[in-house]
Amino acid sequence: MPQSKTVPIEVHMGLQLKKRREELNLTQRDLAKLMKVTPQLVSKYETGQGKILPNRLYDLCQILSVTPNFFFEGLNEISLTEEEQSIWLSCQNLKGEEIQLKVEELRGIIADVKVKER
């Protein structure tokens, strides 16, 4: 039976950020301009690849008209199993064989490779 893992807080905060941005009909570029950062940084925040520092959290709360609590709402209710966190990518090697790459965690670490026989 797969072991339960808690969703990293950065991912949850990023999902909340994206949700609110979309509620306000803002693009990542729009939000980036308001925050005086790059759209790439907004994207990193939304995917959980970038940590939202306290000063940025304060700015986001002002821009999005939310309290800091908004970013943590529902955090305790969310968890993913290892199975749900795994992603399998299929591709072909130079010999034309189909291979599958198992990507674990949100940082994209390749954990396993399988070669399928034809």
PDB file of N, CA and C in Angstrom:
ATOM      1  N   MET A   1       0.837  -1.184   0.000  1.00  0.00           N
ATOM      2  CA  MET A   1       0.000   0.000   0.000  1.00  0.00           C
ATOM      3  C   MET A   1       0.879   1.244   0.000  1.00  0.00           C
ATOM      4  N   PRO A   2       0.627   2.214  -0.912  1.00  0.00           N
ATOM      5  CA  PRO A   2       1.476   3.394  -0.988  1.00  0.00           C
ATOM      6  C   PRO A   2       1.405   4.222   0.291  1.00  0.00           C
ATOM      7  N   GLN A   3       2.539   4.797   0.644  1.00  0.00           N
ATOM      8  CA  GLN A   3       2.611   5.639   1.826  1.00  0.00           C
ATOM      9  C   GLN A   3       2.098   7.031   1.470  1.00  0.00           C
ATOM     10  N   SER A   4       1.348   7.645   2.375  1.00  0.00           N
ATOM     11  CA  SER A   4       0.810   8.989   2.137  1.00  0.00           C
ATOM     12  C   SER A   4       1.891  10.032   2.382  1.00  0.00           C
ATOM     13  N   LYS A   5       1.950  11.025   1.499  1.00  0.00           N
ATOM     14  CA  LYS A   5       2.881  12.129   1.648  1.00  0.00           C
ATOM     15  C   LYS A   5       2.092  13.418   1.661  1.00  0.00           C
ATOM     16  N   THR A   6       2.546  14.364   2.449  1.00  0.00           N
ATOM     17  CA  THR A   6       1.898  15.667   2.484  1.00  0.00           C
ATOM     18  C   THR A   6       2.382  16.485   1.301  1.00  0.00           C
ATOM     19  N   VAL A   7       1.476  17.250   0.706  1.00  0.00           N
ATOM     20  CA  VAL A   7       1.838  18.139  -0.389  1.00  0.00           C
ATOM     21  C   VAL A   7       2.745  19.233   0.171  1.00  0.00           C
ATOM     22  N   PRO A   8       3.870  19.500  -0.482  1.00  0.00           N
ATOM     23  CA  PRO A   8       4.737  20.576   0.004  1.00  0.00           C
ATOM     24  C   PRO A   8       3.973  21.900   0.077  1.00  0.00           C
ATOM     25  N   ILE A   9       4.263  22.654   1.099  1.00  0.00           N
ATOM     26  CA  ILE A   9       3.549  23.903   1.338  1.00  0.00           C
ATOM     27  C   ILE A   9       3.694  24.869   0.163  1.00  0.00           C
ATOM     28  N   GLU A  10       4.856  24.869  -0.502  1.00  0.00           N
ATOM     29  CA  GLU A  10       5.070  25.774  -1.638  1.00  0.00           C
ATOM     30  C   GLU A  10       4.097  25.461  -2.775  1.00  0.00           C
ATOM     31  N   VAL A  11       3.822  24.180  -2.971  1.00  0.00           N
ATOM     32  CA  VAL A  11       2.891  23.778  -4.032  1.00  0.00           C
ATOM     33  C   VAL A  11       1.483  24.249  -3.683  1.00  0.00           C
ATOM     34  N   HIS A  12       1.088  24.047  -2.442  1.00  0.00           N
ATOM     35  CA  HIS A  12      -0.244  24.477  -2.020  1.00  0.00           C
ATOM     36  C   HIS A  12      -0.401  25.990  -2.153  1.00  0.00           C
ATOM     37  N   MET A  13       0.594  26.724  -1.694  1.00  0.00           N
ATOM     38  CA  MET A  13       0.539  28.185  -1.795  1.00  0.00           C
ATOM     39  C   MET A  13       0.478  28.615  -3.255  1.00  0.00           C
ATOM     40  N   GLY A  14       1.215  27.928  -4.104  1.00  0.00           N
ATOM     41  CA  GLY A  14       1.203  28.241  -5.534  1.00  0.00           C
ATOM     42  C   GLY A  14      -0.160  28.006  -6.164  1.00  0.00           C
ATOM     43  N   LEU A  15      -0.802  26.924  -5.760  1.00  0.00           N
ATOM     44  CA  LEU A  15      -2.146  26.637  -6.277  1.00  0.00           C
ATOM     45  C   LEU A  15      -3.142  27.694  -5.826  1.00  0.00           C
ATOM     46  N   GLN A  16      -3.001  28.132  -4.585  1.00  0.00           N
ATOM     47  CA  GLN A  16      -3.878  29.189  -4.072  1.00  0.00           C
ATOM     48  C   GLN A  16      -3.632  30.496  -4.830  1.00  0.00           C
ATOM     49  N   LEU A  17      -2.369  30.799  -5.081  1.00  0.00           N
ATOM     50  CA  LEU A  17      -2.010  32.001  -5.828  1.00  0.00           C
ATOM     51  C   LEU A  17      -2.630  31.976  -7.216  1.00  0.00           C
ATOM     52  N   LYS A  18      -2.466  30.857  -7.904  1.00  0.00           N
ATOM     53  CA  LYS A  18      -3.016  30.729  -9.258  1.00  0.00           C
ATOM     54  C   LYS A  18      -4.539  30.857  -9.239  1.00  0.00           C
ATOM     55  N   LYS A  19      -5.165  30.211  -8.274  1.00  0.00           N
ATOM     56  CA  LYS A  19      -6.625  30.265  -8.152  1.00  0.00           C
ATOM     57  C   LYS A  19      -7.102  31.705  -8.021  1.00  0.00           C
ATOM     58  N   ARG A  20      -6.475  32.456  -7.137  1.00  0.00           N
ATOM     59  CA  ARG A  20      -6.898  33.840  -6.911  1.00  0.00           C
ATOM     60  C   ARG A  20      -6.576  34.723  -8.118  1.00  0.00           C
ATOM     61  N   ARG A  21      -5.418  34.513  -8.722  1.00  0.00           N
ATOM     62  CA  ARG A  21      -5.051  35.288  -9.916  1.00  0.00           C
ATOM     63  C   ARG A  21      -6.093  35.102 -11.002  1.00  0.00           C
ATOM     64  N   GLU A  22      -6.501  33.840 -11.209  1.00  0.00           N
ATOM     65  CA  GLU A  22      -7.503  33.550 -12.239  1.00  0.00           C
ATOM     66  C   GLU A  22      -8.876  34.104 -11.865  1.00  0.00           C
ATOM     67  N   GLU A  23      -9.231  34.093 -10.571  1.00  0.00           N
ATOM     68  CA  GLU A  23     -10.494  34.692 -10.134  1.00  0.00           C
ATOM     69  C   GLU A  23     -10.554  36.172 -10.490  1.00  0.00           C
ATOM     70  N   LEU A  24      -9.397  36.819 -10.446  1.00  0.00           N
ATOM     71  CA  LEU A  24      -9.326  38.249 -10.747  1.00  0.00           C
ATOM     72  C   LEU A  24      -9.065  38.525 -12.232  1.00  0.00           C
ATOM     73  N   ASN A  25      -9.069  37.454 -13.031  1.00  0.00           N
ATOM     74  CA  ASN A  25      -8.820  37.563 -14.478  1.00  0.00           C
ATOM     75  C   ASN A  25      -7.492  38.247 -14.798  1.00  0.00           C
ATOM     76  N   LEU A  26      -6.474  37.914 -14.029  1.00  0.00           N
ATOM     77  CA  LEU A  26      -5.136  38.441 -14.273  1.00  0.00           C
ATOM     78  C   LEU A  26      -4.290  37.370 -14.945  1.00  0.00           C
ATOM     79  N   THR A  27      -3.448  37.770 -15.868  1.00  0.00           N
ATOM     80  CA  THR A  27      -2.479  36.845 -16.450  1.00  0.00           C
ATOM     81  C   THR A  27      -1.246  36.831 -15.542  1.00  0.00           C
ATOM     82  N   GLN A  28      -0.363  35.882 -15.772  1.00  0.00           N
ATOM     83  CA  GLN A  28       0.884  35.871 -15.014  1.00  0.00           C
ATOM     84  C   GLN A  28       1.670  37.149 -15.296  1.00  0.00           C
ATOM     85  N   ARG A  29       1.611  37.606 -16.531  1.00  0.00           N
ATOM     86  CA  ARG A  29       2.312  38.841 -16.911  1.00  0.00           C
ATOM     87  C   ARG A  29       1.727  40.040 -16.155  1.00  0.00           C
ATOM     88  N   ASP A  30       0.383  40.106 -16.062  1.00  0.00           N
ATOM     89  CA  ASP A  30      -0.276  41.194 -15.324  1.00  0.00           C
ATOM     90  C   ASP A  30       0.182  41.206 -13.866  1.00  0.00           C
ATOM     91  N   LEU A  31       0.150  40.032 -13.243  1.00  0.00           N
ATOM     92  CA  LEU A  31       0.535  39.940 -11.837  1.00  0.00           C
ATOM     93  C   LEU A  31       2.007  40.288 -11.661  1.00  0.00           C
ATOM     94  N   ALA A  32       2.836  39.835 -12.574  1.00  0.00           N
ATOM     95  CA  ALA A  32       4.269  40.135 -12.507  1.00  0.00           C
ATOM     96  C   ALA A  32       4.511  41.647 -12.538  1.00  0.00           C
ATOM     97  N   LYS A  33       3.791  42.346 -13.405  1.00  0.00           N
ATOM     98  CA  LYS A  33       3.943  43.811 -13.478  1.00  0.00           C
ATOM     99  C   LYS A  33       3.549  44.465 -12.159  1.00  0.00           C
ATOM    100  N   LEU A  34       2.441  44.004 -11.590  1.00  0.00           N
ATOM    101  CA  LEU A  34       1.989  44.568 -10.314  1.00  0.00           C
ATOM    102  C   LEU A  34       2.984  44.293  -9.180  1.00  0.00           C
ATOM    103  N   MET A  35       3.637  43.130  -9.253  1.00  0.00           N
ATOM    104  CA  MET A  35       4.601  42.749  -8.219  1.00  0.00           C
ATOM    105  C   MET A  35       6.002  43.295  -8.499  1.00  0.00           C
ATOM    106  N   LYS A  36       6.206  43.788  -9.729  1.00  0.00           N
ATOM    107  CA  LYS A  36       7.529  44.258 -10.172  1.00  0.00           C
ATOM    108  C   LYS A  36       8.549  43.122 -10.177  1.00  0.00           C
ATOM    109  N   VAL A  37       8.099  41.967 -10.714  1.00  0.00           N
ATOM    110  CA  VAL A  37       8.962  40.791 -10.893  1.00  0.00           C
ATOM    111  C   VAL A  37       8.738  40.273 -12.317  1.00  0.00           C
ATOM    112  N   THR A  38       9.435  39.222 -12.676  1.00  0.00           N
ATOM    113  CA  THR A  38       9.261  38.643 -14.007  1.00  0.00           C
ATOM    114  C   THR A  38       8.088  37.653 -14.015  1.00  0.00           C
ATOM    115  N   PRO A  39       7.468  37.459 -15.182  1.00  0.00           N
ATOM    116  CA  PRO A  39       6.425  36.431 -15.281  1.00  0.00           C
ATOM    117  C   PRO A  39       6.964  35.036 -14.934  1.00  0.00           C
ATOM    118  N   GLN A  40       8.243  34.811 -15.191  1.00  0.00           N
ATOM    119  CA  GLN A  40       8.851  33.515 -14.870  1.00  0.00           C
ATOM    120  C   GLN A  40       8.834  33.270 -13.366  1.00  0.00           C
ATOM    121  N   LEU A  41       9.039  34.324 -12.571  1.00  0.00           N
ATOM    122  CA  LEU A  41       9.012  34.159 -11.122  1.00  0.00           C
ATOM    123  C   LEU A  41       7.593  33.849 -10.651  1.00  0.00           C
ATOM    124  N   VAL A  42       6.606  34.506 -11.243  1.00  0.00           N
ATOM    125  CA  VAL A  42       5.211  34.210 -10.908  1.00  0.00           C
ATOM    126  C   VAL A  42       4.915  32.749 -11.234  1.00  0.00           C
ATOM    127  N   SER A  43       5.381  32.286 -12.382  1.00  0.00           N
ATOM    128  CA  SER A  43       5.187  30.889 -12.782  1.00  0.00           C
ATOM    129  C   SER A  43       5.828  29.950 -11.760  1.00  0.00           C
ATOM    130  N   LYS A  44       7.030  30.273 -11.308  1.00  0.00           N
ATOM    131  CA  LYS A  44       7.709  29.439 -10.303  1.00  0.00           C
ATOM    132  C   LYS A  44       6.923  29.410  -9.000  1.00  0.00           C
ATOM    133  N   TYR A  45       6.381  30.548  -8.605  1.00  0.00           N
ATOM    134  CA  TYR A  45       5.555  30.582  -7.400  1.00  0.00           C
ATOM    135  C   TYR A  45       4.345  29.666  -7.561  1.00  0.00           C
ATOM    136  N   GLU A  46       3.686  29.758  -8.721  1.00  0.00           N
ATOM    137  CA  GLU A  46       2.453  28.995  -8.937  1.00  0.00           C
ATOM    138  C   GLU A  46       2.686  27.495  -9.015  1.00  0.00           C
ATOM    139  N   THR A  47       3.865  27.077  -9.432  1.00  0.00           N
ATOM    140  CA  THR A  47       4.163  25.646  -9.521  1.00  0.00           C
ATOM    141  C   THR A  47       4.850  25.107  -8.269  1.00  0.00           C
ATOM    142  N   GLY A  48       5.125  25.998  -7.318  1.00  0.00           N
ATOM    143  CA  GLY A  48       5.781  25.554  -6.086  1.00  0.00           C
ATOM    144  C   GLY A  48       7.275  25.423  -6.215  1.00  0.00           C
ATOM    145  N   GLN A  49       7.841  25.851  -7.343  1.00  0.00           N
ATOM    146  CA  GLN A  49       9.288  25.773  -7.533  1.00  0.00           C
ATOM    147  C   GLN A  49      10.012  26.941  -6.893  1.00  0.00           C
ATOM    148  N   GLY A  50       9.274  27.989  -6.564  1.00  0.00           N
ATOM    149  CA  GLY A  50       9.849  29.150  -5.904  1.00  0.00           C
ATOM    150  C   GLY A  50       9.140  29.397  -4.588  1.00  0.00           C
ATOM    151  N   LYS A  51       9.912  29.650  -3.547  1.00  0.00           N
ATOM    152  CA  LYS A  51       9.322  29.924  -2.239  1.00  0.00           C
ATOM    153  C   LYS A  51       8.896  31.385  -2.179  1.00  0.00           C
ATOM    154  N   ILE A  52       7.710  31.606  -1.662  1.00  0.00           N
ATOM    155  CA  ILE A  52       7.199  32.964  -1.512  1.00  0.00           C
ATOM    156  C   ILE A  52       7.709  33.509  -0.177  1.00  0.00           C
ATOM    157  N   LEU A  53       8.621  34.456  -0.266  1.00  0.00           N
ATOM    158  CA  LEU A  53       9.201  35.052   0.933  1.00  0.00           C
ATOM    159  C   LEU A  53       8.202  36.002   1.593  1.00  0.00           C
ATOM    160  N   PRO A  54       8.387  36.274   2.885  1.00  0.00           N
ATOM    161  CA  PRO A  54       7.413  37.110   3.605  1.00  0.00           C
ATOM    162  C   PRO A  54       7.099  38.448   2.937  1.00  0.00           C
ATOM    163  N   ASN A  55       8.114  39.145   2.421  1.00  0.00           N
ATOM    164  CA  ASN A  55       7.844  40.434   1.780  1.00  0.00           C
ATOM    165  C   ASN A  55       7.006  40.255   0.515  1.00  0.00           C
ATOM    166  N   ARG A  56       7.220  39.174  -0.229  1.00  0.00           N
ATOM    167  CA  ARG A  56       6.419  38.893  -1.422  1.00  0.00           C
ATOM    168  C   ARG A  56       5.004  38.474  -1.020  1.00  0.00           C
ATOM    169  N   LEU A  57       4.888  37.721   0.063  1.00  0.00           N
ATOM    170  CA  LEU A  57       3.572  37.321   0.547  1.00  0.00           C
ATOM    171  C   LEU A  57       2.756  38.557   0.909  1.00  0.00           C
ATOM    172  N   TYR A  58       3.390  39.497   1.562  1.00  0.00           N
ATOM    173  CA  TYR A  58       2.713  40.748   1.912  1.00  0.00           C
ATOM    174  C   TYR A  58       2.241  41.470   0.646  1.00  0.00           C
ATOM    175  N   ASP A  59       3.134  41.588  -0.350  1.00  0.00           N
ATOM    176  CA  ASP A  59       2.770  42.232  -1.620  1.00  0.00           C
ATOM    177  C   ASP A  59       1.595  41.522  -2.281  1.00  0.00           C
ATOM    178  N   LEU A  60       1.656  40.200  -2.307  1.00  0.00           N
ATOM    179  CA  LEU A  60       0.581  39.420  -2.933  1.00  0.00           C
ATOM    180  C   LEU A  60      -0.747  39.642  -2.225  1.00  0.00           C
ATOM    181  N   CYS A  61      -0.714  39.691  -0.903  1.00  0.00           N
ATOM    182  CA  CYS A  61      -1.948  39.921  -0.152  1.00  0.00           C
ATOM    183  C   CYS A  61      -2.556  41.276  -0.505  1.00  0.00           C
ATOM    184  N   GLN A  62      -1.710  42.288  -0.652  1.00  0.00           N
ATOM    185  CA  GLN A  62      -2.188  43.620  -1.019  1.00  0.00           C
ATOM    186  C   GLN A  62      -2.759  43.629  -2.434  1.00  0.00           C
ATOM    187  N   ILE A  63      -2.045  43.034  -3.372  1.00  0.00           N
ATOM    188  CA  ILE A  63      -2.459  43.025  -4.777  1.00  0.00           C
ATOM    189  C   ILE A  63      -3.721  42.198  -5.000  1.00  0.00           C
ATOM    190  N   LEU A  64      -3.788  41.037  -4.338  1.00  0.00           N
ATOM    191  CA  LEU A  64      -4.902  40.109  -4.567  1.00  0.00           C
ATOM    192  C   LEU A  64      -6.066  40.313  -3.601  1.00  0.00           C
ATOM    193  N   SER A  65      -5.933  41.264  -2.688  1.00  0.00           N
ATOM    194  CA  SER A  65      -6.971  41.556  -1.685  1.00  0.00           C
ATOM    195  C   SER A  65      -7.362  40.315  -0.875  1.00  0.00           C
ATOM    196  N   VAL A  66      -6.347  39.664  -0.331  1.00  0.00           N
ATOM    197  CA  VAL A  66      -6.558  38.496   0.531  1.00  0.00           C
ATOM    198  C   VAL A  66      -5.694  38.660   1.776  1.00  0.00           C
ATOM    199  N   THR A  67      -5.982  37.856   2.785  1.00  0.00           N
ATOM    200  CA  THR A  67      -5.138  37.824   3.978  1.00  0.00           C
ATOM    201  C   THR A  67      -4.112  36.711   3.799  1.00  0.00           C
ATOM    202  N   PRO A  68      -3.054  36.714   4.576  1.00  0.00           N
ATOM    203  CA  PRO A  68      -2.080  35.621   4.476  1.00  0.00           C
ATOM    204  C   PRO A  68      -2.714  34.245   4.695  1.00  0.00           C
ATOM    205  N   ASN A  69      -3.768  34.184   5.507  1.00  0.00           N
ATOM    206  CA  ASN A  69      -4.445  32.906   5.764  1.00  0.00           C
ATOM    207  C   ASN A  69      -4.956  32.264   4.480  1.00  0.00           C
ATOM    208  N   PHE A  70      -5.306  33.073   3.492  1.00  0.00           N
ATOM    209  CA  PHE A  70      -5.813  32.543   2.224  1.00  0.00           C
ATOM    210  C   PHE A  70      -4.859  31.513   1.627  1.00  0.00           C
ATOM    211  N   PHE A  71      -3.574  31.778   1.713  1.00  0.00           N
ATOM    212  CA  PHE A  71      -2.580  30.894   1.099  1.00  0.00           C
ATOM    213  C   PHE A  71      -2.449  29.546   1.815  1.00  0.00           C
ATOM    214  N   PHE A  72      -2.974  29.467   3.037  1.00  0.00           N
ATOM    215  CA  PHE A  72      -2.864  28.238   3.822  1.00  0.00           C
ATOM    216  C   PHE A  72      -4.189  27.495   3.985  1.00  0.00           C
ATOM    217  N   GLU A  73      -5.275  28.086   3.486  1.00  0.00           N
ATOM    218  CA  GLU A  73      -6.590  27.450   3.610  1.00  0.00           C
ATOM    219  C   GLU A  73      -6.591  26.082   2.934  1.00  0.00           C
ATOM    220  N   GLY A  74      -7.064  25.071   3.667  1.00  0.00           N
ATOM    221  CA  GLY A  74      -7.176  23.727   3.117  1.00  0.00           C
ATOM    222  C   GLY A  74      -5.884  22.938   3.093  1.00  0.00           C
ATOM    223  N   LEU A  75      -4.824  23.506   3.617  1.00  0.00           N
ATOM    224  CA  LEU A  75      -3.516  22.840   3.570  1.00  0.00           C
ATOM    225  C   LEU A  75      -3.526  21.493   4.279  1.00  0.00           C
ATOM    226  N   ASN A  76      -4.189  21.394   5.403  1.00  0.00           N
ATOM    227  CA  ASN A  76      -4.217  20.144   6.171  1.00  0.00           C
ATOM    228  C   ASN A  76      -5.085  19.074   5.527  1.00  0.00           C
ATOM    229  N   GLU A  77      -5.943  19.468   4.599  1.00  0.00           N
ATOM    230  CA  GLU A  77      -6.860  18.521   3.973  1.00  0.00           C
ATOM    231  C   GLU A  77      -6.255  17.830   2.752  1.00  0.00           C
ATOM    232  N   ILE A  78      -5.108  18.304   2.295  1.00  0.00           N
ATOM    233  CA  ILE A  78      -4.544  17.806   1.048  1.00  0.00           C
ATOM    234  C   ILE A  78      -3.362  16.891   1.317  1.00  0.00           C
ATOM    235  N   SER A  79      -3.376  15.739   0.689  1.00  0.00           N
ATOM    236  CA  SER A  79      -2.208  14.865   0.694  1.00  0.00           C
ATOM    237  C   SER A  79      -2.261  14.009  -0.554  1.00  0.00           C
ATOM    238  N   LEU A  80      -1.112  13.588  -1.004  1.00  0.00           N
ATOM    239  CA  LEU A  80      -1.015  12.732  -2.186  1.00  0.00           C
ATOM    240  C   LEU A  80      -0.302  11.451  -1.806  1.00  0.00           C
ATOM    241  N   THR A  81      -0.697  10.356  -2.430  1.00  0.00           N
ATOM    242  CA  THR A  81       0.031   9.115  -2.221  1.00  0.00           C
ATOM    243  C   THR A  81       1.220   9.114  -3.165  1.00  0.00           C
ATOM    244  N   GLU A  82       2.179   8.237  -2.909  1.00  0.00           N
ATOM    245  CA  GLU A  82       3.338   8.130  -3.802  1.00  0.00           C
ATOM    246  C   GLU A  82       2.887   7.831  -5.218  1.00  0.00           C
ATOM    247  N   GLU A  83       1.883   6.981  -5.370  1.00  0.00           N
ATOM    248  CA  GLU A  83       1.388   6.610  -6.697  1.00  0.00           C
ATOM    249  C   GLU A  83       0.891   7.836  -7.445  1.00  0.00           C
ATOM    250  N   GLU A  84       0.160   8.725  -6.742  1.00  0.00           N
ATOM    251  CA  GLU A  84      -0.366   9.920  -7.385  1.00  0.00           C
ATOM    252  C   GLU A  84       0.738  10.906  -7.738  1.00  0.00           C
ATOM    253  N   GLN A  85       1.863  10.852  -7.040  1.00  0.00           N
ATOM    254  CA  GLN A  85       2.954  11.777  -7.306  1.00  0.00           C
ATOM    255  C   GLN A  85       3.854  11.282  -8.428  1.00  0.00           C
ATOM    256  N   SER A  86       3.711  10.053  -8.845  1.00  0.00           N
ATOM    257  CA  SER A  86       4.564   9.511  -9.891  1.00  0.00           C
ATOM    258  C   SER A  86       3.983   9.801 -11.268  1.00  0.00           C
ATOM    259  N   ILE A  87       4.862  10.159 -12.179  1.00  0.00           N
ATOM    260  CA  ILE A  87       4.470  10.417 -13.553  1.00  0.00           C
ATOM    261  C   ILE A  87       5.361   9.553 -14.444  1.00  0.00           C
ATOM    262  N   TRP A  88       4.758   8.847 -15.377  1.00  0.00           N
ATOM    263  CA  TRP A  88       5.519   8.030 -16.318  1.00  0.00           C
ATOM    264  C   TRP A  88       5.519   8.722 -17.674  1.00  0.00           C
ATOM    265  N   LEU A  89       6.705   8.930 -18.225  1.00  0.00           N
ATOM    266  CA  LEU A  89       6.843   9.519 -19.548  1.00  0.00           C
ATOM    267  C   LEU A  89       7.269   8.416 -20.513  1.00  0.00           C
ATOM    268  N   SER A  90       6.615   8.330 -21.656  1.00  0.00           N
ATOM    269  CA  SER A  90       6.974   7.324 -22.657  1.00  0.00           C
ATOM    270  C   SER A  90       7.676   8.003 -23.826  1.00  0.00           C
ATOM    271  N   CYS A  91       8.734   7.366 -24.309  1.00  0.00           N
ATOM    272  CA  CYS A  91       9.441   7.863 -25.490  1.00  0.00           C
ATOM    273  C   CYS A  91      10.180   6.689 -26.128  1.00  0.00           C
ATOM    274  N   GLN A  92      10.848   6.942 -27.245  1.00  0.00           N
ATOM    275  CA  GLN A  92      11.590   5.886 -27.926  1.00  0.00           C
ATOM    276  C   GLN A  92      13.077   6.180 -27.844  1.00  0.00           C
ATOM    277  N   ASN A  93      13.875   5.101 -27.696  1.00  0.00           N
ATOM    278  CA  ASN A  93      15.314   5.282 -27.713  1.00  0.00           C
ATOM    279  C   ASN A  93      15.803   5.231 -29.155  1.00  0.00           C
ATOM    280  N   LEU A  94      17.099   5.292 -29.365  1.00  0.00           N
ATOM    281  CA  LEU A  94      17.657   5.320 -30.718  1.00  0.00           C
ATOM    282  C   LEU A  94      17.400   4.035 -31.502  1.00  0.00           C
ATOM    283  N   LYS A  95      17.147   2.929 -30.810  1.00  0.00           N
ATOM    284  CA  LYS A  95      16.853   1.663 -31.472  1.00  0.00           C
ATOM    285  C   LYS A  95      15.379   1.544 -31.821  1.00  0.00           C
ATOM    286  N   GLY A  96      14.581   2.541 -31.461  1.00  0.00           N
ATOM    287  CA  GLY A  96      13.153   2.499 -31.732  1.00  0.00           C
ATOM    288  C   GLY A  96      12.349   1.788 -30.661  1.00  0.00           C
ATOM    289  N   GLU A  97      13.010   1.404 -29.580  1.00  0.00           N
ATOM    290  CA  GLU A  97      12.315   0.741 -28.487  1.00  0.00           C
ATOM    291  C   GLU A  97      11.604   1.793 -27.632  1.00  0.00           C
ATOM    292  N   GLU A  98      10.398   1.443 -27.187  1.00  0.00           N
ATOM    293  CA  GLU A  98       9.675   2.353 -26.308  1.00  0.00           C
ATOM    294  C   GLU A  98      10.246   2.218 -24.912  1.00  0.00           C
ATOM    295  N   ILE A  99      10.574   3.353 -24.303  1.00  0.00           N
ATOM    296  CA  ILE A  99      11.044   3.335 -22.923  1.00  0.00           C
ATOM    297  C   ILE A  99      10.124   4.225 -22.097  1.00  0.00           C
ATOM    298  N   GLN A 100      10.046   3.929 -20.813  1.00  0.00           N
ATOM    299  CA  GLN A 100       9.234   4.726 -19.900  1.00  0.00           C
ATOM    300  C   GLN A 100      10.134   5.257 -18.799  1.00  0.00           C
ATOM    301  N   LEU A 101       9.996   6.535 -18.512  1.00  0.00           N
ATOM    302  CA  LEU A 101      10.754   7.175 -17.448  1.00  0.00           C
ATOM    303  C   LEU A 101       9.792   7.517 -16.320  1.00  0.00           C
ATOM    304  N   LYS A 102      10.134   7.110 -15.119  1.00  0.00           N
ATOM    305  CA  LYS A 102       9.301   7.419 -13.964  1.00  0.00           C
ATOM    306  C   LYS A 102       9.843   8.690 -13.316  1.00  0.00           C
ATOM    307  N   VAL A 103       9.001   9.715 -13.250  1.00  0.00           N
ATOM    308  CA  VAL A 103       9.380  10.984 -12.645  1.00  0.00           C
ATOM    309  C   VAL A 103       8.703  11.056 -11.283  1.00  0.00           C
ATOM    310  N   GLU A 104       9.504  11.235 -10.241  1.00  0.00           N
ATOM    311  CA  GLU A 104       8.958  11.319  -8.892  1.00  0.00           C
ATOM    312  C   GLU A 104       9.191  12.699  -8.327  1.00  0.00           C
ATOM    313  N   GLU A 105       8.351  13.051  -7.419  1.00  0.00           N
ATOM    314  CA  GLU A 105       8.390  14.326  -6.725  1.00  0.00           C
ATOM    315  C   GLU A 105       8.189  15.451  -7.735  1.00  0.00           C
ATOM    316  N   LEU A 106       8.058  16.629  -7.260  1.00  0.00           N
ATOM    317  CA  LEU A 106       7.713  17.733  -8.129  1.00  0.00           C
ATOM    318  C   LEU A 106       8.931  18.369  -8.780  1.00  0.00           C
ATOM    319  N   ARG A 107      10.098  17.905  -8.442  1.00  0.00           N
ATOM    320  CA  ARG A 107      11.306  18.464  -9.023  1.00  0.00           C
ATOM    321  C   ARG A 107      11.761  17.680 -10.248  1.00  0.00           C
ATOM    322  N   GLY A 108      11.077  16.590 -10.581  1.00  0.00           N
ATOM    323  CA  GLY A 108      11.387  15.850 -11.797  1.00  0.00           C
ATOM    324  C   GLY A 108      12.611  14.968 -11.707  1.00  0.00           C
ATOM    325  N   ILE A 109      12.760  14.227 -10.644  1.00  0.00           N
ATOM    326  CA  ILE A 109      13.878  13.302 -10.497  1.00  0.00           C
ATOM    327  C   ILE A 109      13.501  11.990 -11.172  1.00  0.00           C
ATOM    328  N   ILE A 110      14.334  11.515 -12.088  1.00  0.00           N
ATOM    329  CA  ILE A 110      14.053  10.239 -12.756  1.00  0.00           C
ATOM    330  C   ILE A 110      14.414   9.124 -11.792  1.00  0.00           C
ATOM    331  N   ALA A 111      13.413   8.314 -11.473  1.00  0.00           N
ATOM    332  CA  ALA A 111      13.600   7.289 -10.453  1.00  0.00           C
ATOM    333  C   ALA A 111      13.704   5.883 -11.035  1.00  0.00           C
ATOM    334  N   ASP A 112      13.234   5.687 -12.262  1.00  0.00           N
ATOM    335  CA  ASP A 112      13.216   4.335 -12.816  1.00  0.00           C
ATOM    336  C   ASP A 112      13.088   4.441 -14.317  1.00  0.00           C
ATOM    337  N   VAL A 113      13.653   3.505 -15.041  1.00  0.00           N
ATOM    338  CA  VAL A 113      13.534   3.436 -16.501  1.00  0.00           C
ATOM    339  C   VAL A 113      13.146   2.020 -16.880  1.00  0.00           C
ATOM    340  N   LYS A 114      12.157   1.864 -17.751  1.00  0.00           N
ATOM    341  CA  LYS A 114      11.720   0.554 -18.215  1.00  0.00           C
ATOM    342  C   LYS A 114      11.833   0.494 -19.731  1.00  0.00           C
ATOM    343  N   VAL A 115      12.268  -0.649 -20.258  1.00  0.00           N
ATOM    344  CA  VAL A 115      12.303  -0.867 -21.701  1.00  0.00           C
ATOM    345  C   VAL A 115      11.234  -1.898 -22.021  1.00  0.00           C
ATOM    346  N   LYS A 116      10.305  -1.526 -22.915  1.00  0.00           N
ATOM    347  CA  LYS A 116       9.240  -2.434 -23.302  1.00  0.00           C
ATOM    348  C   LYS A 116       9.692  -3.251 -24.514  1.00  0.00           C
ATOM    349  N   GLU A 117       9.432  -4.521 -24.446  1.00  0.00           N
ATOM    350  CA  GLU A 117       9.722  -5.395 -25.589  1.00  0.00           C
ATOM    351  C   GLU A 117       8.601  -5.230 -26.616  1.00  0.00           C
ATOM    352  N   ARG A 118       8.948  -5.295 -27.886  1.00  0.00           N
ATOM    353  CA  ARG A 118       7.925  -5.197 -28.950  1.00  0.00           C
ATOM    354  C   ARG A 118       7.367  -6.543 -29.277  1.00  0.00           C
TER     355      ARG A 118
END
